[in-house]
């Protein structure tokens, strides 16, 4: 099930701060990041490319959800249920800045 894959992926990425935190001293160390992605993909029985693609999708969705939450109270919009991974990805709050 994709939801289980996403949960495990988020858990593994959270543990590897260098993949998501620009404050990490290894954030720009591409070979080390590739090694971490290789380990994660092995744990998930997937490819590195698929794990990176899925992570970017989850991260981008989190950014969009945060942007929606920060809309002014008078803005028109529909009330939809909260995205299931919004709370799980809170660790990205200080690392991701949505564009206006």
PDB file of N, CA and C in Angstrom:
ATOM      1  N   UNK A   1       0.842  -1.176   0.000  1.00  0.00           N
ATOM      2  CA  UNK A   1       0.000   0.000   0.000  1.00  0.00           C
ATOM      3  C   UNK A   1       0.893   1.246   0.000  1.00  0.00           C
ATOM      4  N   UNK A   2       0.555   2.211  -0.816  1.00  0.00           N
ATOM      5  CA  UNK A   2       1.379   3.404  -0.960  1.00  0.00           C
ATOM      6  C   UNK A   2       1.471   4.202   0.332  1.00  0.00           C
ATOM      7  N   UNK A   3       0.419   4.193   1.120  1.00  0.00           N
ATOM      8  CA  UNK A   3       0.407   4.928   2.384  1.00  0.00           C
ATOM      9  C   UNK A   3       1.484   4.398   3.334  1.00  0.00           C
ATOM     10  N   UNK A   4       1.635   3.078   3.408  1.00  0.00           N
ATOM     11  CA  UNK A   4       2.677   2.481   4.247  1.00  0.00           C
ATOM     12  C   UNK A   4       4.056   2.862   3.735  1.00  0.00           C
ATOM     13  N   UNK A   5       4.223   2.826   2.418  1.00  0.00           N
ATOM     14  CA  UNK A   5       5.489   3.216   1.803  1.00  0.00           C
ATOM     15  C   UNK A   5       5.813   4.656   2.178  1.00  0.00           C
ATOM     16  N   UNK A   6       4.829   5.541   2.050  1.00  0.00           N
ATOM     17  CA  UNK A   6       5.034   6.956   2.361  1.00  0.00           C
ATOM     18  C   UNK A   6       5.402   7.153   3.824  1.00  0.00           C
ATOM     19  N   UNK A   7       4.714   6.457   4.718  1.00  0.00           N
ATOM     20  CA  UNK A   7       5.005   6.582   6.152  1.00  0.00           C
ATOM     21  C   UNK A   7       6.434   6.161   6.460  1.00  0.00           C
ATOM     22  N   UNK A   8       6.853   5.044   5.903  1.00  0.00           N
ATOM     23  CA  UNK A   8       8.212   4.565   6.143  1.00  0.00           C
ATOM     24  C   UNK A   8       9.232   5.502   5.507  1.00  0.00           C
ATOM     25  N   UNK A   9       8.940   5.973   4.310  1.00  0.00           N
ATOM     26  CA  UNK A   9       9.845   6.907   3.641  1.00  0.00           C
ATOM     27  C   UNK A   9      10.023   8.166   4.485  1.00  0.00           C
ATOM     28  N   UNK A  10       8.934   8.717   4.971  1.00  0.00           N
ATOM     29  CA  UNK A  10       9.002   9.918   5.811  1.00  0.00           C
ATOM     30  C   UNK A  10       9.834   9.642   7.063  1.00  0.00           C
ATOM     31  N   UNK A  11       9.627   8.494   7.667  1.00  0.00           N
ATOM     32  CA  UNK A  11      10.377   8.126   8.875  1.00  0.00           C
ATOM     33  C   UNK A  11      11.880   8.063   8.591  1.00  0.00           C
ATOM     34  N   UNK A  12      12.256   7.410   7.495  1.00  0.00           N
ATOM     35  CA  UNK A  12      13.674   7.283   7.158  1.00  0.00           C
ATOM     36  C   UNK A  12      14.285   8.634   6.793  1.00  0.00           C
ATOM     37  N   UNK A  13      13.550   9.448   6.067  1.00  0.00           N
ATOM     38  CA  UNK A  13      14.070  10.764   5.680  1.00  0.00           C
ATOM     39  C   UNK A  13      14.206  11.656   6.913  1.00  0.00           C
ATOM     40  N   UNK A  14      13.253  11.590   7.823  1.00  0.00           N
ATOM     41  CA  UNK A  14      13.333  12.394   9.051  1.00  0.00           C
ATOM     42  C   UNK A  14      14.618  12.075   9.812  1.00  0.00           C
ATOM     43  N   UNK A  15      14.995  10.810   9.844  1.00  0.00           N
ATOM     44  CA  UNK A  15      16.215  10.396  10.544  1.00  0.00           C
ATOM     45  C   UNK A  15      17.472  10.898   9.845  1.00  0.00           C
ATOM     46  N   UNK A  16      17.403  11.153   8.550  1.00  0.00           N
ATOM     47  CA  UNK A  16      18.552  11.617   7.766  1.00  0.00           C
ATOM     48  C   UNK A  16      18.423  13.119   7.520  1.00  0.00           C
ATOM     49  N   UNK A  17      18.728  13.899   8.533  1.00  0.00           N
ATOM     50  CA  UNK A  17      18.533  15.350   8.484  1.00  0.00           C
ATOM     51  C   UNK A  17      19.213  16.001   7.280  1.00  0.00           C
ATOM     52  N   UNK A  18      20.316  15.444   6.844  1.00  0.00           N
ATOM     53  CA  UNK A  18      21.042  16.033   5.713  1.00  0.00           C
ATOM     54  C   UNK A  18      20.221  16.036   4.419  1.00  0.00           C
ATOM     55  N   UNK A  19      19.175  15.232   4.345  1.00  0.00           N
ATOM     56  CA  UNK A  19      18.346  15.187   3.144  1.00  0.00           C
ATOM     57  C   UNK A  19      17.325  16.317   3.094  1.00  0.00           C
ATOM     58  N   UNK A  20      17.019  16.920   4.233  1.00  0.00           N
ATOM     59  CA  UNK A  20      15.951  17.921   4.252  1.00  0.00           C
ATOM     60  C   UNK A  20      16.303  19.234   4.947  1.00  0.00           C
ATOM     61  N   UNK A  21      17.336  19.256   5.772  1.00  0.00           N
ATOM     62  CA  UNK A  21      17.665  20.473   6.515  1.00  0.00           C
ATOM     63  C   UNK A  21      18.857  21.200   5.903  1.00  0.00           C
ATOM     64  N   UNK A  22      18.618  22.406   5.449  1.00  0.00           N
ATOM     65  CA  UNK A  22      19.701  23.209   4.886  1.00  0.00           C
ATOM     66  C   UNK A  22      20.706  23.606   5.957  1.00  0.00           C
ATOM     67  N   UNK A  23      20.347  23.445   7.210  1.00  0.00           N
ATOM     68  CA  UNK A  23      21.253  23.761   8.315  1.00  0.00           C
ATOM     69  C   UNK A  23      22.273  22.645   8.546  1.00  0.00           C
ATOM     70  N   UNK A  24      22.023  21.490   7.992  1.00  0.00           N
ATOM     71  CA  UNK A  24      22.944  20.367   8.150  1.00  0.00           C
ATOM     72  C   UNK A  24      24.242  20.664   7.409  1.00  0.00           C
ATOM     73  N   UNK A  25      25.352  20.360   8.035  1.00  0.00           N
ATOM     74  CA  UNK A  25      26.644  20.637   7.396  1.00  0.00           C
ATOM     75  C   UNK A  25      26.873  19.742   6.180  1.00  0.00           C
ATOM     76  N   UNK A  26      26.109  18.678   6.049  1.00  0.00           N
ATOM     77  CA  UNK A  26      26.260  17.755   4.922  1.00  0.00           C
ATOM     78  C   UNK A  26      25.186  17.934   3.852  1.00  0.00           C
ATOM     79  N   UNK A  27      24.369  18.964   3.973  1.00  0.00           N
ATOM     80  CA  UNK A  27      23.249  19.170   3.048  1.00  0.00           C
ATOM     81  C   UNK A  27      23.691  19.193   1.584  1.00  0.00           C
ATOM     82  N   UNK A  28      24.836  19.780   1.300  1.00  0.00           N
ATOM     83  CA  UNK A  28      25.301  19.893  -0.090  1.00  0.00           C
ATOM     84  C   UNK A  28      26.262  18.775  -0.494  1.00  0.00           C
ATOM     85  N   UNK A  29      26.435  17.793   0.350  1.00  0.00           N
ATOM     86  CA  UNK A  29      27.334  16.686   0.065  1.00  0.00           C
ATOM     87  C   UNK A  29      26.582  15.627  -0.750  1.00  0.00           C
ATOM     88  N   UNK A  30      26.602  15.795  -2.061  1.00  0.00           N
ATOM     89  CA  UNK A  30      25.827  14.937  -2.958  1.00  0.00           C
ATOM     90  C   UNK A  30      26.192  13.452  -2.855  1.00  0.00           C
ATOM     91  N   UNK A  31      27.487  13.088  -2.835  1.00  0.00           N
ATOM     92  CA  UNK A  31      27.795  11.650  -2.727  1.00  0.00           C
ATOM     93  C   UNK A  31      27.253  11.021  -1.442  1.00  0.00           C
ATOM     94  N   UNK A  32      27.341  11.754  -0.336  1.00  0.00           N
ATOM     95  CA  UNK A  32      26.838  11.218   0.928  1.00  0.00           C
ATOM     96  C   UNK A  32      25.313  11.099   0.889  1.00  0.00           C
ATOM     97  N   UNK A  33      24.653  12.083   0.293  1.00  0.00           N
ATOM     98  CA  UNK A  33      23.197  12.031   0.182  1.00  0.00           C
ATOM     99  C   UNK A  33      22.764  10.855  -0.693  1.00  0.00           C
ATOM    100  N   UNK A  34      23.490  10.613  -1.760  1.00  0.00           N
ATOM    101  CA  UNK A  34      23.170   9.480  -2.633  1.00  0.00           C
ATOM    102  C   UNK A  34      23.317   8.157  -1.878  1.00  0.00           C
ATOM    103  N   UNK A  35      24.339   8.069  -1.036  1.00  0.00           N
ATOM    104  CA  UNK A  35      24.528   6.859  -0.229  1.00  0.00           C
ATOM    105  C   UNK A  35      23.341   6.660   0.717  1.00  0.00           C
ATOM    106  N   UNK A  36      22.874   7.743   1.336  1.00  0.00           N
ATOM    107  CA  UNK A  36      21.719   7.663   2.239  1.00  0.00           C
ATOM    108  C   UNK A  36      20.472   7.237   1.461  1.00  0.00           C
ATOM    109  N   UNK A  37      20.262   7.839   0.272  1.00  0.00           N
ATOM    110  CA  UNK A  37      19.103   7.458  -0.545  1.00  0.00           C
ATOM    111  C   UNK A  37      19.184   5.984  -0.952  1.00  0.00           C
ATOM    112  N   UNK A  38      20.392   5.495  -1.213  1.00  0.00           N
ATOM    113  CA  UNK A  38      20.572   4.086  -1.569  1.00  0.00           C
ATOM    114  C   UNK A  38      20.173   3.186  -0.399  1.00  0.00           C
ATOM    115  N   UNK A  39      20.568   3.577   0.815  1.00  0.00           N
ATOM    116  CA  UNK A  39      20.184   2.811   2.004  1.00  0.00           C
ATOM    117  C   UNK A  39      18.667   2.811   2.189  1.00  0.00           C
ATOM    118  N   UNK A  40      18.060   3.980   2.037  1.00  0.00           N
ATOM    119  CA  UNK A  40      16.610   4.096   2.205  1.00  0.00           C
ATOM    120  C   UNK A  40      15.884   3.249   1.164  1.00  0.00           C
ATOM    121  N   UNK A  41      16.335   3.329  -0.084  1.00  0.00           N
ATOM    122  CA  UNK A  41      15.666   2.558  -1.138  1.00  0.00           C
ATOM    123  C   UNK A  41      15.796   1.057  -0.887  1.00  0.00           C
ATOM    124  N   UNK A  42      16.926   0.630  -0.337  1.00  0.00           N
ATOM    125  CA  UNK A  42      17.102  -0.779   0.003  1.00  0.00           C
ATOM    126  C   UNK A  42      16.135  -1.228   1.086  1.00  0.00           C
ATOM    127  N   UNK A  43      15.939  -0.379   2.095  1.00  0.00           N
ATOM    128  CA  UNK A  43      15.012  -0.704   3.183  1.00  0.00           C
ATOM    129  C   UNK A  43      13.573  -0.782   2.683  1.00  0.00           C
ATOM    130  N   UNK A  44      13.269  -0.002   1.644  1.00  0.00           N
ATOM    131  CA  UNK A  44      11.903   0.055   1.126  1.00  0.00           C
ATOM    132  C   UNK A  44      11.689  -0.837  -0.100  1.00  0.00           C
ATOM    133  N   UNK A  45      12.723  -1.582  -0.496  1.00  0.00           N
ATOM    134  CA  UNK A  45      12.654  -2.429  -1.692  1.00  0.00           C
ATOM    135  C   UNK A  45      12.180  -1.638  -2.906  1.00  0.00           C
ATOM    136  N   UNK A  46      12.810  -0.510  -3.118  1.00  0.00           N
ATOM    137  CA  UNK A  46      12.448   0.370  -4.224  1.00  0.00           C
ATOM    138  C   UNK A  46      13.731   0.892  -4.861  1.00  0.00           C
ATOM    139  N   UNK A  47      13.574   1.742  -5.868  1.00  0.00           N
ATOM    140  CA  UNK A  47      14.746   2.342  -6.498  1.00  0.00           C
ATOM    141  C   UNK A  47      15.036   3.692  -5.851  1.00  0.00           C
ATOM    142  N   UNK A  48      16.276   4.131  -5.992  1.00  0.00           N
ATOM    143  CA  UNK A  48      16.667   5.450  -5.483  1.00  0.00           C
ATOM    144  C   UNK A  48      15.815   6.521  -6.147  1.00  0.00           C
ATOM    145  N   UNK A  49      15.648   6.401  -7.455  1.00  0.00           N
ATOM    146  CA  UNK A  49      14.887   7.403  -8.209  1.00  0.00           C
ATOM    147  C   UNK A  49      13.445   7.493  -7.722  1.00  0.00           C
ATOM    148  N   UNK A  50      12.826   6.349  -7.474  1.00  0.00           N
ATOM    149  CA  UNK A  50      11.438   6.334  -7.002  1.00  0.00           C
ATOM    150  C   UNK A  50      11.332   6.956  -5.613  1.00  0.00           C
ATOM    151  N   UNK A  51      12.271   6.653  -4.737  1.00  0.00           N
ATOM    152  CA  UNK A  51      12.244   7.224  -3.386  1.00  0.00           C
ATOM    153  C   UNK A  51      12.414   8.740  -3.429  1.00  0.00           C
ATOM    154  N   UNK A  52      13.354   9.217  -4.229  1.00  0.00           N
ATOM    155  CA  UNK A  52      13.569  10.663  -4.339  1.00  0.00           C
ATOM    156  C   UNK A  52      12.344  11.329  -4.944  1.00  0.00           C
ATOM    157  N   UNK A  53      11.783  10.729  -5.994  1.00  0.00           N
ATOM    158  CA  UNK A  53      10.602  11.305  -6.638  1.00  0.00           C
ATOM    159  C   UNK A  53       9.432  11.378  -5.661  1.00  0.00           C
ATOM    160  N   UNK A  54       9.226  10.303  -4.917  1.00  0.00           N
ATOM    161  CA  UNK A  54       8.107  10.282  -3.968  1.00  0.00           C
ATOM    162  C   UNK A  54       8.335  11.283  -2.835  1.00  0.00           C
ATOM    163  N   UNK A  55       9.581  11.392  -2.358  1.00  0.00           N
ATOM    164  CA  UNK A  55       9.888  12.351  -1.304  1.00  0.00           C
ATOM    165  C   UNK A  55       9.603  13.782  -1.776  1.00  0.00           C
ATOM    166  N   UNK A  56      10.023  14.100  -2.989  1.00  0.00           N
ATOM    167  CA  UNK A  56       9.774  15.452  -3.509  1.00  0.00           C
ATOM    168  C   UNK A  56       8.276  15.723  -3.622  1.00  0.00           C
ATOM    169  N   UNK A  57       7.517  14.716  -4.018  1.00  0.00           N
ATOM    170  CA  UNK A  57       6.065  14.866  -4.109  1.00  0.00           C
ATOM    171  C   UNK A  57       5.467  15.148  -2.732  1.00  0.00           C
ATOM    172  N   UNK A  58       5.892  14.400  -1.725  1.00  0.00           N
ATOM    173  CA  UNK A  58       5.388  14.594  -0.366  1.00  0.00           C
ATOM    174  C   UNK A  58       5.791  15.960   0.182  1.00  0.00           C
ATOM    175  N   UNK A  59       7.042  16.333  -0.036  1.00  0.00           N
ATOM    176  CA  UNK A  59       7.533  17.631   0.448  1.00  0.00           C
ATOM    177  C   UNK A  59       6.785  18.780  -0.212  1.00  0.00           C
ATOM    178  N   UNK A  60       6.580  18.681  -1.522  1.00  0.00           N
ATOM    179  CA  UNK A  60       5.857  19.737  -2.242  1.00  0.00           C
ATOM    180  C   UNK A  60       4.405  19.824  -1.785  1.00  0.00           C
ATOM    181  N   UNK A  61       3.795  18.687  -1.543  1.00  0.00           N
ATOM    182  CA  UNK A  61       2.408  18.687  -1.052  1.00  0.00           C
ATOM    183  C   UNK A  61       2.347  19.339   0.323  1.00  0.00           C
ATOM    184  N   UNK A  62       3.317  19.039   1.177  1.00  0.00           N
ATOM    185  CA  UNK A  62       3.372  19.656   2.501  1.00  0.00           C
ATOM    186  C   UNK A  62       3.455  21.178   2.363  1.00  0.00           C
ATOM    187  N   UNK A  63       4.289  21.649   1.459  1.00  0.00           N
ATOM    188  CA  UNK A  63       4.440  23.089   1.236  1.00  0.00           C
ATOM    189  C   UNK A  63       3.123  23.710   0.799  1.00  0.00           C
ATOM    190  N   UNK A  64       2.411  23.051  -0.112  1.00  0.00           N
ATOM    191  CA  UNK A  64       1.113  23.566  -0.567  1.00  0.00           C
ATOM    192  C   UNK A  64       0.089  23.590   0.570  1.00  0.00           C
ATOM    193  N   UNK A  65       0.093  22.550   1.392  1.00  0.00           N
ATOM    194  CA  UNK A  65      -0.847  22.489   2.514  1.00  0.00           C
ATOM    195  C   UNK A  65      -0.570  23.601   3.522  1.00  0.00           C
ATOM    196  N   UNK A  66       0.691  23.863   3.793  1.00  0.00           N
ATOM    197  CA  UNK A  66       1.056  24.942   4.717  1.00  0.00           C
ATOM    198  C   UNK A  66       0.605  26.282   4.148  1.00  0.00           C
ATOM    199  N   UNK A  67       0.801  26.452   2.861  1.00  0.00           N
ATOM    200  CA  UNK A  67       0.396  27.700   2.213  1.00  0.00           C
ATOM    201  C   UNK A  67      -1.119  27.891   2.335  1.00  0.00           C
ATOM    202  N   UNK A  68      -1.875  26.808   2.164  1.00  0.00           N
ATOM    203  CA  UNK A  68      -3.336  26.883   2.293  1.00  0.00           C
ATOM    204  C   UNK A  68      -3.748  27.253   3.714  1.00  0.00           C
ATOM    205  N   UNK A  69      -3.051  26.692   4.696  1.00  0.00           N
ATOM    206  CA  UNK A  69      -3.373  26.983   6.092  1.00  0.00           C
ATOM    207  C   UNK A  69      -3.113  28.448   6.432  1.00  0.00           C
ATOM    208  N   UNK A  70      -2.130  29.052   5.769  1.00  0.00           N
ATOM    209  CA  UNK A  70      -1.743  30.428   6.071  1.00  0.00           C
ATOM    210  C   UNK A  70      -2.546  31.465   5.300  1.00  0.00           C
ATOM    211  N   UNK A  71      -3.560  31.040   4.554  1.00  0.00           N
ATOM    212  CA  UNK A  71      -4.382  31.992   3.805  1.00  0.00           C
ATOM    213  C   UNK A  71      -5.159  32.876   4.772  1.00  0.00           C
ATOM    214  N   UNK A  72      -5.402  34.130   4.403  1.00  0.00           N
ATOM    215  CA  UNK A  72      -6.196  35.013   5.261  1.00  0.00           C
ATOM    216  C   UNK A  72      -7.580  34.424   5.521  1.00  0.00           C
ATOM    217  N   UNK A  73      -8.142  34.758   6.653  1.00  0.00           N
ATOM    218  CA  UNK A  73      -9.403  34.147   7.065  1.00  0.00           C
ATOM    219  C   UNK A  73     -10.566  34.486   6.141  1.00  0.00           C
ATOM    220  N   UNK A  74     -10.513  35.604   5.436  1.00  0.00           N
ATOM    221  CA  UNK A  74     -11.605  35.981   4.544  1.00  0.00           C
ATOM    222  C   UNK A  74     -11.510  35.368   3.166  1.00  0.00           C
ATOM    223  N   UNK A  75     -10.466  34.595   2.911  1.00  0.00           N
ATOM    224  CA  UNK A  75     -10.278  34.004   1.593  1.00  0.00           C
ATOM    225  C   UNK A  75     -11.331  32.949   1.312  1.00  0.00           C
ATOM    226  N   UNK A  76     -11.789  32.942   0.081  1.00  0.00           N
ATOM    227  CA  UNK A  76     -12.746  31.908  -0.323  1.00  0.00           C
ATOM    228  C   UNK A  76     -12.002  30.588  -0.442  1.00  0.00           C
ATOM    229  N   UNK A  77     -12.663  29.540  -0.147  1.00  0.00           N
ATOM    230  CA  UNK A  77     -12.033  28.232  -0.264  1.00  0.00           C
ATOM    231  C   UNK A  77     -12.977  27.163   0.215  1.00  0.00           C
ATOM    232  N   UNK A  78     -12.677  25.963  -0.172  1.00  0.00           N
ATOM    233  CA  UNK A  78     -13.529  24.862   0.246  1.00  0.00           C
ATOM    234  C   UNK A  78     -12.927  24.223   1.492  1.00  0.00           C
ATOM    235  N   UNK A  79     -13.769  23.642   2.287  1.00  0.00           N
ATOM    236  CA  UNK A  79     -13.266  22.964   3.481  1.00  0.00           C
ATOM    237  C   UNK A  79     -13.081  21.491   3.142  1.00  0.00           C
ATOM    238  N   UNK A  80     -11.830  21.103   3.104  1.00  0.00           N
ATOM    239  CA  UNK A  80     -11.491  19.715   2.827  1.00  0.00           C
ATOM    240  C   UNK A  80     -10.863  19.120   4.070  1.00  0.00           C
ATOM    241  N   UNK A  81     -10.926  17.817   4.202  1.00  0.00           N
ATOM    242  CA  UNK A  81     -10.273  17.213   5.361  1.00  0.00           C
ATOM    243  C   UNK A  81      -8.764  17.459   5.306  1.00  0.00           C
ATOM    244  N   UNK A  82      -8.159  17.550   6.470  1.00  0.00           N
ATOM    245  CA  UNK A  82      -6.723  17.802   6.541  1.00  0.00           C
ATOM    246  C   UNK A  82      -5.954  16.619   5.955  1.00  0.00           C
ATOM    247  N   UNK A  83      -4.888  16.921   5.239  1.00  0.00           N
ATOM    248  CA  UNK A  83      -4.039  15.903   4.619  1.00  0.00           C
ATOM    249  C   UNK A  83      -3.436  15.022   5.709  1.00  0.00           C
ATOM    250  N   UNK A  84      -3.435  13.730   5.499  1.00  0.00           N
ATOM    251  CA  UNK A  84      -3.036  12.779   6.539  1.00  0.00           C
ATOM    252  C   UNK A  84      -1.571  12.903   6.973  1.00  0.00           C
ATOM    253  N   UNK A  85      -0.693  13.410   6.112  1.00  0.00           N
ATOM    254  CA  UNK A  85       0.721  13.503   6.468  1.00  0.00           C
ATOM    255  C   UNK A  85       1.138  14.889   6.949  1.00  0.00           C
ATOM    256  N   UNK A  86       0.183  15.793   7.091  1.00  0.00           N
ATOM    257  CA  UNK A  86       0.520  17.162   7.488  1.00  0.00           C
ATOM    258  C   UNK A  86       1.243  17.191   8.836  1.00  0.00           C
ATOM    259  N   UNK A  87       0.705  16.530   9.822  1.00  0.00           N
ATOM    260  CA  UNK A  87       1.335  16.510  11.151  1.00  0.00           C
ATOM    261  C   UNK A  87       2.643  15.725  11.135  1.00  0.00           C
ATOM    262  N   UNK A  88       2.694  14.654  10.363  1.00  0.00           N
ATOM    263  CA  UNK A  88       3.893  13.819  10.299  1.00  0.00           C
ATOM    264  C   UNK A  88       5.080  14.588   9.737  1.00  0.00           C
ATOM    265  N   UNK A  89       4.811  15.501   8.815  1.00  0.00           N
ATOM    266  CA  UNK A  89       5.881  16.259   8.169  1.00  0.00           C
ATOM    267  C   UNK A  89       6.176  17.594   8.858  1.00  0.00           C
ATOM    268  N   UNK A  90       5.662  17.795  10.059  1.00  0.00           N
ATOM    269  CA  UNK A  90       5.901  19.041  10.794  1.00  0.00           C
ATOM    270  C   UNK A  90       7.385  19.323  10.995  1.00  0.00           C
ATOM    271  N   UNK A  91       8.216  18.291  10.991  1.00  0.00           N
ATOM    272  CA  UNK A  91       9.646  18.508  11.174  1.00  0.00           C
ATOM    273  C   UNK A  91      10.240  19.369  10.058  1.00  0.00           C
ATOM    274  N   UNK A  92       9.527  19.507   8.946  1.00  0.00           N
ATOM    275  CA  UNK A  92       9.987  20.340   7.828  1.00  0.00           C
ATOM    276  C   UNK A  92       9.639  21.820   8.002  1.00  0.00           C
ATOM    277  N   UNK A  93       8.871  22.133   9.016  1.00  0.00           N
ATOM    278  CA  UNK A  93       8.320  23.476   9.173  1.00  0.00           C
ATOM    279  C   UNK A  93       9.371  24.581   9.031  1.00  0.00           C
ATOM    280  N   UNK A  94      10.524  24.420   9.653  1.00  0.00           N
ATOM    281  CA  UNK A  94      11.556  25.454   9.600  1.00  0.00           C
ATOM    282  C   UNK A  94      12.444  25.346   8.366  1.00  0.00           C
ATOM    283  N   UNK A  95      12.330  24.267   7.620  1.00  0.00           N
ATOM    284  CA  UNK A  95      13.184  24.058   6.450  1.00  0.00           C
ATOM    285  C   UNK A  95      12.511  24.397   5.133  1.00  0.00           C
ATOM    286  N   UNK A  96      11.189  24.434   5.131  1.00  0.00           N
ATOM    287  CA  UNK A  96      10.445  24.661   3.892  1.00  0.00           C
ATOM    288  C   UNK A  96       9.728  26.001   3.987  1.00  0.00           C
ATOM    289  N   UNK A  97       9.970  26.847   3.007  1.00  0.00           N
ATOM    290  CA  UNK A  97       9.297  28.139   2.968  1.00  0.00           C
ATOM    291  C   UNK A  97       8.479  28.219   1.691  1.00  0.00           C
ATOM    292  N   UNK A  98       7.159  28.254   1.822  1.00  0.00           N
ATOM    293  CA  UNK A  98       6.337  28.333   0.604  1.00  0.00           C
ATOM    294  C   UNK A  98       6.486  29.684  -0.080  1.00  0.00           C
ATOM    295  N   UNK A  99       6.503  29.655  -1.400  1.00  0.00           N
ATOM    296  CA  UNK A  99       6.538  30.903  -2.167  1.00  0.00           C
ATOM    297  C   UNK A  99       5.147  31.494  -2.184  1.00  0.00           C
ATOM    298  N   UNK A 100       5.070  32.781  -2.195  1.00  0.00           N
ATOM    299  CA  UNK A 100       3.762  33.463  -2.218  1.00  0.00           C
ATOM    300  C   UNK A 100       3.293  33.684  -3.621  1.00  0.00           C
TER     301      UNK A 100
END
